[in-house]
């Protein structure tokens, strides 16, 4: 058995000069459910992950950006 994961990051709903509004968790869960159904995914586990803004693909955080983060929904499934 192999496992894999898919991250669902809150989408930007509105951007203003000093504030940004993101999807709330129920909206992110709805997108994840749609993906699970359309791909016939066998889910193993779900988790929310705290992700600092400025994190790049290798897991390193851009130190110029501090104090801001978001939570993403991670779906672990059988690959």
PDB file of N, CA and C in Angstrom:
ATOM      1  N   UNK A   1       0.847  -1.183   0.000  1.00  0.00           N
ATOM      2  CA  UNK A   1       0.000   0.000   0.000  1.00  0.00           C
ATOM      3  C   UNK A   1       0.887   1.238   0.000  1.00  0.00           C
ATOM      4  N   UNK A   2       0.518   2.220  -0.792  1.00  0.00           N
ATOM      5  CA  UNK A   2       1.184   3.515  -0.792  1.00  0.00           C
ATOM      6  C   UNK A   2       0.193   4.571  -0.351  1.00  0.00           C
ATOM      7  N   UNK A   3       0.719   5.612   0.267  1.00  0.00           N
ATOM      8  CA  UNK A   3      -0.144   6.724   0.662  1.00  0.00           C
ATOM      9  C   UNK A   3       0.330   8.000  -0.030  1.00  0.00           C
ATOM     10  N   UNK A   4      -0.570   8.939  -0.135  1.00  0.00           N
ATOM     11  CA  UNK A   4      -0.271  10.247  -0.701  1.00  0.00           C
ATOM     12  C   UNK A   4      -1.138  11.272   0.023  1.00  0.00           C
ATOM     13  N   UNK A   5      -0.881  12.532  -0.257  1.00  0.00           N
ATOM     14  CA  UNK A   5      -1.732  13.566   0.335  1.00  0.00           C
ATOM     15  C   UNK A   5      -2.009  14.658  -0.677  1.00  0.00           C
ATOM     16  N   UNK A   6      -3.093  15.366  -0.422  1.00  0.00           N
ATOM     17  CA  UNK A   6      -3.485  16.511  -1.236  1.00  0.00           C
ATOM     18  C   UNK A   6      -3.816  17.650  -0.288  1.00  0.00           C
ATOM     19  N   UNK A   7      -3.226  18.803  -0.508  1.00  0.00           N
ATOM     20  CA  UNK A   7      -3.495  19.978   0.313  1.00  0.00           C
ATOM     21  C   UNK A   7      -4.556  20.851  -0.328  1.00  0.00           C
ATOM     22  N   UNK A   8      -5.433  21.380   0.499  1.00  0.00           N
ATOM     23  CA  UNK A   8      -6.459  22.318   0.070  1.00  0.00           C
ATOM     24  C   UNK A   8      -6.225  23.625   0.817  1.00  0.00           C
ATOM     25  N   UNK A   9      -5.725  24.594   0.086  1.00  0.00           N
ATOM     26  CA  UNK A   9      -5.355  25.888   0.650  1.00  0.00           C
ATOM     27  C   UNK A   9      -6.532  26.840   0.499  1.00  0.00           C
ATOM     28  N   UNK A  10      -6.852  27.607   1.556  1.00  0.00           N
ATOM     29  CA  UNK A  10      -7.950  28.578   1.430  1.00  0.00           C
ATOM     30  C   UNK A  10      -7.692  29.543   0.277  1.00  0.00           C
ATOM     31  N   UNK A  11      -8.696  29.726  -0.571  1.00  0.00           N
ATOM     32  CA  UNK A  11      -8.586  30.651  -1.700  1.00  0.00           C
ATOM     33  C   UNK A  11      -8.838  32.079  -1.233  1.00  0.00           C
ATOM     34  N   UNK A  12      -8.217  33.006  -1.897  1.00  0.00           N
ATOM     35  CA  UNK A  12      -8.442  34.423  -1.617  1.00  0.00           C
ATOM     36  C   UNK A  12      -9.813  34.805  -2.172  1.00  0.00           C
ATOM     37  N   UNK A  13     -10.648  35.374  -1.308  1.00  0.00           N
ATOM     38  CA  UNK A  13     -11.979  35.820  -1.715  1.00  0.00           C
ATOM     39  C   UNK A  13     -11.991  37.308  -2.051  1.00  0.00           C
ATOM     40  N   UNK A  14     -11.185  38.070  -1.309  1.00  0.00           N
ATOM     41  CA  UNK A  14     -11.163  39.519  -1.496  1.00  0.00           C
ATOM     42  C   UNK A  14      -9.821  40.056  -1.017  1.00  0.00           C
ATOM     43  N   UNK A  15      -9.228  40.907  -1.821  1.00  0.00           N
ATOM     44  CA  UNK A  15      -7.960  41.525  -1.451  1.00  0.00           C
ATOM     45  C   UNK A  15      -8.122  43.032  -1.441  1.00  0.00           C
ATOM     46  N   UNK A  16      -7.769  43.634  -0.312  1.00  0.00           N
ATOM     47  CA  UNK A  16      -7.801  45.085  -0.185  1.00  0.00           C
ATOM     48  C   UNK A  16      -6.383  45.550   0.135  1.00  0.00           C
ATOM     49  N   UNK A  17      -6.236  46.828   0.299  1.00  0.00           N
ATOM     50  CA  UNK A  17      -4.919  47.401   0.529  1.00  0.00           C
ATOM     51  C   UNK A  17      -4.210  46.778   1.735  1.00  0.00           C
ATOM     52  N   UNK A  18      -4.886  46.642   2.849  1.00  0.00           N
ATOM     53  CA  UNK A  18      -4.248  46.147   4.068  1.00  0.00           C
ATOM     54  C   UNK A  18      -4.805  44.824   4.576  1.00  0.00           C
ATOM     55  N   UNK A  19      -5.837  44.315   3.944  1.00  0.00           N
ATOM     56  CA  UNK A  19      -6.444  43.065   4.413  1.00  0.00           C
ATOM     57  C   UNK A  19      -6.741  42.135   3.249  1.00  0.00           C
ATOM     58  N   UNK A  20      -6.740  40.869   3.564  1.00  0.00           N
ATOM     59  CA  UNK A  20      -7.105  39.846   2.595  1.00  0.00           C
ATOM     60  C   UNK A  20      -8.112  38.917   3.259  1.00  0.00           C
ATOM     61  N   UNK A  21      -9.217  38.625   2.567  1.00  0.00           N
ATOM     62  CA  UNK A  21     -10.229  37.713   3.089  1.00  0.00           C
ATOM     63  C   UNK A  21     -10.089  36.377   2.365  1.00  0.00           C
ATOM     64  N   UNK A  22     -10.006  35.291   3.147  1.00  0.00           N
ATOM     65  CA  UNK A  22      -9.845  33.945   2.614  1.00  0.00           C
ATOM     66  C   UNK A  22     -11.106  33.121   2.834  1.00  0.00           C
ATOM     67  N   UNK A  23     -11.223  32.011   2.115  1.00  0.00           N
ATOM     68  CA  UNK A  23     -12.295  31.044   2.365  1.00  0.00           C
ATOM     69  C   UNK A  23     -12.239  30.601   3.826  1.00  0.00           C
ATOM     70  N   UNK A  24     -13.407  30.301   4.392  1.00  0.00           N
ATOM     71  CA  UNK A  24     -13.422  29.719   5.723  1.00  0.00           C
ATOM     72  C   UNK A  24     -13.315  28.195   5.605  1.00  0.00           C
ATOM     73  N   UNK A  25     -13.112  27.529   6.725  1.00  0.00           N
ATOM     74  CA  UNK A  25     -12.889  26.078   6.718  1.00  0.00           C
ATOM     75  C   UNK A  25     -14.023  25.291   6.054  1.00  0.00           C
ATOM     76  N   UNK A  26     -15.303  25.600   6.322  1.00  0.00           N
ATOM     77  CA  UNK A  26     -16.364  24.846   5.641  1.00  0.00           C
ATOM     78  C   UNK A  26     -16.280  24.923   4.113  1.00  0.00           C
ATOM     79  N   UNK A  27     -15.859  26.045   3.572  1.00  0.00           N
ATOM     80  CA  UNK A  27     -15.720  26.174   2.123  1.00  0.00           C
ATOM     81  C   UNK A  27     -14.574  25.285   1.613  1.00  0.00           C
ATOM     82  N   UNK A  28     -13.493  25.248   2.361  1.00  0.00           N
ATOM     83  CA  UNK A  28     -12.348  24.410   1.982  1.00  0.00           C
ATOM     84  C   UNK A  28     -12.737  22.932   2.048  1.00  0.00           C
ATOM     85  N   UNK A  29     -13.487  22.570   3.083  1.00  0.00           N
ATOM     86  CA  UNK A  29     -13.944  21.178   3.230  1.00  0.00           C
ATOM     87  C   UNK A  29     -14.850  20.798   2.055  1.00  0.00           C
ATOM     88  N   UNK A  30     -15.698  21.698   1.622  1.00  0.00           N
ATOM     89  CA  UNK A  30     -16.564  21.428   0.471  1.00  0.00           C
ATOM     90  C   UNK A  30     -15.734  21.136  -0.774  1.00  0.00           C
ATOM     91  N   UNK A  31     -14.691  21.929  -1.008  1.00  0.00           N
ATOM     92  CA  UNK A  31     -13.816  21.675  -2.160  1.00  0.00           C
ATOM     93  C   UNK A  31     -13.123  20.322  -2.039  1.00  0.00           C
ATOM     94  N   UNK A  32     -12.676  19.993  -0.828  1.00  0.00           N
ATOM     95  CA  UNK A  32     -12.023  18.701  -0.607  1.00  0.00           C
ATOM     96  C   UNK A  32     -13.002  17.556  -0.863  1.00  0.00           C
ATOM     97  N   UNK A  33     -14.227  17.680  -0.376  1.00  0.00           N
ATOM     98  CA  UNK A  33     -15.241  16.649  -0.609  1.00  0.00           C
ATOM     99  C   UNK A  33     -15.514  16.452  -2.095  1.00  0.00           C
ATOM    100  N   UNK A  34     -15.588  17.554  -2.827  1.00  0.00           N
ATOM    101  CA  UNK A  34     -15.808  17.455  -4.279  1.00  0.00           C
ATOM    102  C   UNK A  34     -14.659  16.705  -4.953  1.00  0.00           C
ATOM    103  N   UNK A  35     -13.428  17.003  -4.551  1.00  0.00           N
ATOM    104  CA  UNK A  35     -12.255  16.332  -5.112  1.00  0.00           C
ATOM    105  C   UNK A  35     -12.261  14.842  -4.774  1.00  0.00           C
ATOM    106  N   UNK A  36     -12.597  14.514  -3.527  1.00  0.00           N
ATOM    107  CA  UNK A  36     -12.654  13.112  -3.080  1.00  0.00           C
ATOM    108  C   UNK A  36     -13.679  12.340  -3.908  1.00  0.00           C
ATOM    109  N   UNK A  37     -14.867  12.913  -4.083  1.00  0.00           N
ATOM    110  CA  UNK A  37     -15.925  12.249  -4.852  1.00  0.00           C
ATOM    111  C   UNK A  37     -15.547  12.090  -6.319  1.00  0.00           C
ATOM    112  N   UNK A  38     -15.013  13.136  -6.923  1.00  0.00           N
ATOM    113  CA  UNK A  38     -14.727  13.078  -8.356  1.00  0.00           C
ATOM    114  C   UNK A  38     -13.539  12.183  -8.694  1.00  0.00           C
ATOM    115  N   UNK A  39     -12.697  11.883  -7.718  1.00  0.00           N
ATOM    116  CA  UNK A  39     -11.528  11.038  -7.962  1.00  0.00           C
ATOM    117  C   UNK A  39     -11.617   9.678  -7.275  1.00  0.00           C
ATOM    118  N   UNK A  40     -12.767   9.368  -6.669  1.00  0.00           N
ATOM    119  CA  UNK A  40     -12.982   8.096  -5.967  1.00  0.00           C
ATOM    120  C   UNK A  40     -11.826   7.787  -5.013  1.00  0.00           C
ATOM    121  N   UNK A  41     -11.502   8.761  -4.184  1.00  0.00           N
ATOM    122  CA  UNK A  41     -10.384   8.657  -3.249  1.00  0.00           C
ATOM    123  C   UNK A  41     -10.789   7.855  -2.017  1.00  0.00           C
ATOM    124  N   UNK A  42      -9.874   6.988  -1.561  1.00  0.00           N
ATOM    125  CA  UNK A  42     -10.076   6.279  -0.298  1.00  0.00           C
ATOM    126  C   UNK A  42      -9.281   7.024   0.769  1.00  0.00           C
ATOM    127  N   UNK A  43      -9.984   7.815   1.571  1.00  0.00           N
ATOM    128  CA  UNK A  43      -9.361   8.678   2.572  1.00  0.00           C
ATOM    129  C   UNK A  43      -8.862   7.850   3.758  1.00  0.00           C
ATOM    130  N   UNK A  44      -7.652   8.174   4.204  1.00  0.00           N
ATOM    131  CA  UNK A  44      -7.079   7.554   5.395  1.00  0.00           C
ATOM    132  C   UNK A  44      -7.258   8.483   6.591  1.00  0.00           C
ATOM    133  N   UNK A  45      -6.981   9.766   6.373  1.00  0.00           N
ATOM    134  CA  UNK A  45      -7.031  10.718   7.476  1.00  0.00           C
ATOM    135  C   UNK A  45      -7.126  12.137   6.919  1.00  0.00           C
ATOM    136  N   UNK A  46      -7.628  13.043   7.743  1.00  0.00           N
ATOM    137  CA  UNK A  46      -7.667  14.471   7.427  1.00  0.00           C
ATOM    138  C   UNK A  46      -6.999  15.215   8.567  1.00  0.00           C
ATOM    139  N   UNK A  47      -6.339  16.319   8.230  1.00  0.00           N
ATOM    140  CA  UNK A  47      -5.754  17.149   9.271  1.00  0.00           C
ATOM    141  C   UNK A  47      -5.710  18.590   8.798  1.00  0.00           C
ATOM    142  N   UNK A  48      -5.700  19.513   9.749  1.00  0.00           N
ATOM    143  CA  UNK A  48      -5.433  20.895   9.406  1.00  0.00           C
ATOM    144  C   UNK A  48      -3.971  21.152   9.728  1.00  0.00           C
ATOM    145  N   UNK A  49      -3.334  21.921   8.859  1.00  0.00           N
ATOM    146  CA  UNK A  49      -1.904  22.193   8.994  1.00  0.00           C
ATOM    147  C   UNK A  49      -1.712  23.700   9.041  1.00  0.00           C
ATOM    148  N   UNK A  50      -0.959  24.148  10.036  1.00  0.00           N
ATOM    149  CA  UNK A  50      -0.619  25.564  10.178  1.00  0.00           C
ATOM    150  C   UNK A  50       0.529  25.865   9.232  1.00  0.00           C
ATOM    151  N   UNK A  51       0.333  26.787   8.297  1.00  0.00           N
ATOM    152  CA  UNK A  51       1.339  27.075   7.279  1.00  0.00           C
ATOM    153  C   UNK A  51       1.690  28.562   7.310  1.00  0.00           C
ATOM    154  N   UNK A  52       2.915  28.903   7.730  1.00  0.00           N
ATOM    155  CA  UNK A  52       3.315  30.315   7.701  1.00  0.00           C
ATOM    156  C   UNK A  52       3.297  30.861   6.280  1.00  0.00           C
ATOM    157  N   UNK A  53       2.833  32.088   6.104  1.00  0.00           N
ATOM    158  CA  UNK A  53       2.902  32.735   4.803  1.00  0.00           C
ATOM    159  C   UNK A  53       4.371  32.883   4.436  1.00  0.00           C
ATOM    160  N   UNK A  54       4.679  32.657   3.183  1.00  0.00           N
ATOM    161  CA  UNK A  54       6.050  32.763   2.734  1.00  0.00           C
ATOM    162  C   UNK A  54       6.756  31.425   2.697  1.00  0.00           C
ATOM    163  N   UNK A  55       6.066  30.346   3.103  1.00  0.00           N
ATOM    164  CA  UNK A  55       6.698  29.032   3.040  1.00  0.00           C
ATOM    165  C   UNK A  55       6.823  28.625   1.581  1.00  0.00           C
ATOM    166  N   UNK A  56       7.967  28.070   1.247  1.00  0.00           N
ATOM    167  CA  UNK A  56       8.167  27.649  -0.131  1.00  0.00           C
ATOM    168  C   UNK A  56       8.145  26.134  -0.238  1.00  0.00           C
ATOM    169  N   UNK A  57       8.328  25.613  -1.424  1.00  0.00           N
ATOM    170  CA  UNK A  57       8.162  24.192  -1.686  1.00  0.00           C
ATOM    171  C   UNK A  57       9.097  23.275  -0.936  1.00  0.00           C
ATOM    172  N   UNK A  58      10.248  23.764  -0.505  1.00  0.00           N
ATOM    173  CA  UNK A  58      11.172  22.879   0.192  1.00  0.00           C
ATOM    174  C   UNK A  58      10.981  22.909   1.704  1.00  0.00           C
ATOM    175  N   UNK A  59       9.909  23.547   2.156  1.00  0.00           N
ATOM    176  CA  UNK A  59       9.607  23.571   3.584  1.00  0.00           C
ATOM    177  C   UNK A  59      10.302  24.683   4.343  1.00  0.00           C
ATOM    178  N   UNK A  60      11.066  25.504   3.671  1.00  0.00           N
ATOM    179  CA  UNK A  60      11.759  26.605   4.328  1.00  0.00           C
ATOM    180  C   UNK A  60      10.857  27.827   4.337  1.00  0.00           C
ATOM    181  N   UNK A  61      10.918  28.578   5.410  1.00  0.00           N
ATOM    182  CA  UNK A  61      10.082  29.763   5.559  1.00  0.00           C
ATOM    183  C   UNK A  61      10.890  30.999   5.184  1.00  0.00           C
ATOM    184  N   UNK A  62      10.284  31.874   4.416  1.00  0.00           N
ATOM    185  CA  UNK A  62      10.901  33.148   4.075  1.00  0.00           C
ATOM    186  C   UNK A  62      10.924  33.998   5.347  1.00  0.00           C
ATOM    187  N   UNK A  63      12.088  34.257   5.886  1.00  0.00           N
ATOM    188  CA  UNK A  63      12.202  34.941   7.178  1.00  0.00           C
ATOM    189  C   UNK A  63      11.781  36.403   7.120  1.00  0.00           C
ATOM    190  N   UNK A  64      11.621  36.940   5.933  1.00  0.00           N
ATOM    191  CA  UNK A  64      11.165  38.333   5.821  1.00  0.00           C
ATOM    192  C   UNK A  64       9.693  38.453   6.171  1.00  0.00           C
ATOM    193  N   UNK A  65       8.954  37.366   6.107  1.00  0.00           N
ATOM    194  CA  UNK A  65       7.513  37.377   6.381  1.00  0.00           C
ATOM    195  C   UNK A  65       7.284  36.632   7.694  1.00  0.00           C
ATOM    196  N   UNK A  66       6.843  37.348   8.705  1.00  0.00           N
ATOM    197  CA  UNK A  66       6.644  36.720  10.010  1.00  0.00           C
ATOM    198  C   UNK A  66       5.290  37.109  10.574  1.00  0.00           C
ATOM    199  N   UNK A  67       4.748  36.249  11.422  1.00  0.00           N
ATOM    200  CA  UNK A  67       3.528  36.568  12.133  1.00  0.00           C
ATOM    201  C   UNK A  67       2.239  36.303  11.382  1.00  0.00           C
ATOM    202  N   UNK A  68       2.298  35.914  10.124  1.00  0.00           N
ATOM    203  CA  UNK A  68       1.093  35.661   9.359  1.00  0.00           C
ATOM    204  C   UNK A  68       1.086  34.216   8.883  1.00  0.00           C
ATOM    205  N   UNK A  69      -0.057  33.588   8.978  1.00  0.00           N
ATOM    206  CA  UNK A  69      -0.155  32.185   8.586  1.00  0.00           C
ATOM    207  C   UNK A  69      -1.602  31.875   8.229  1.00  0.00           C
ATOM    208  N   UNK A  70      -1.793  30.704   7.668  1.00  0.00           N
ATOM    209  CA  UNK A  70      -3.125  30.214   7.384  1.00  0.00           C
ATOM    210  C   UNK A  70      -3.161  28.731   7.710  1.00  0.00           C
ATOM    211  N   UNK A  71      -4.342  28.176   7.775  1.00  0.00           N
ATOM    212  CA  UNK A  71      -4.492  26.737   7.985  1.00  0.00           C
ATOM    213  C   UNK A  71      -4.986  26.129   6.692  1.00  0.00           C
ATOM    214  N   UNK A  72      -4.368  25.042   6.306  1.00  0.00           N
ATOM    215  CA  UNK A  72      -4.828  24.317   5.131  1.00  0.00           C
ATOM    216  C   UNK A  72      -5.383  22.973   5.576  1.00  0.00           C
ATOM    217  N   UNK A  73      -6.170  22.369   4.717  1.00  0.00           N
ATOM    218  CA  UNK A  73      -6.729  21.047   4.978  1.00  0.00           C
ATOM    219  C   UNK A  73      -5.908  20.046   4.184  1.00  0.00           C
ATOM    220  N   UNK A  74      -5.354  19.047   4.863  1.00  0.00           N
ATOM    221  CA  UNK A  74      -4.562  18.009   4.205  1.00  0.00           C
ATOM    222  C   UNK A  74      -5.348  16.697   4.255  1.00  0.00           C
ATOM    223  N   UNK A  75      -5.517  16.090   3.080  1.00  0.00           N
ATOM    224  CA  UNK A  75      -6.217  14.819   2.960  1.00  0.00           C
ATOM    225  C   UNK A  75      -5.175  13.735   2.651  1.00  0.00           C
ATOM    226  N   UNK A  76      -5.046  12.773   3.548  1.00  0.00           N
ATOM    227  CA  UNK A  76      -4.166  11.606   3.334  1.00  0.00           C
ATOM    228  C   UNK A  76      -5.035  10.501   2.739  1.00  0.00           C
ATOM    229  N   UNK A  77      -4.528   9.843   1.710  1.00  0.00           N
ATOM    230  CA  UNK A  77      -5.336   8.820   1.030  1.00  0.00           C
ATOM    231  C   UNK A  77      -4.454   7.716   0.479  1.00  0.00           C
ATOM    232  N   UNK A  78      -5.104   6.587   0.140  1.00  0.00           N
ATOM    233  CA  UNK A  78      -4.408   5.473  -0.490  1.00  0.00           C
ATOM    234  C   UNK A  78      -4.144   5.813  -1.958  1.00  0.00           C
ATOM    235  N   UNK A  79      -2.892   5.632  -2.355  1.00  0.00           N
ATOM    236  CA  UNK A  79      -2.516   5.963  -3.738  1.00  0.00           C
ATOM    237  C   UNK A  79      -2.579   4.725  -4.605  1.00  0.00           C
TER     238      UNK A  79
END
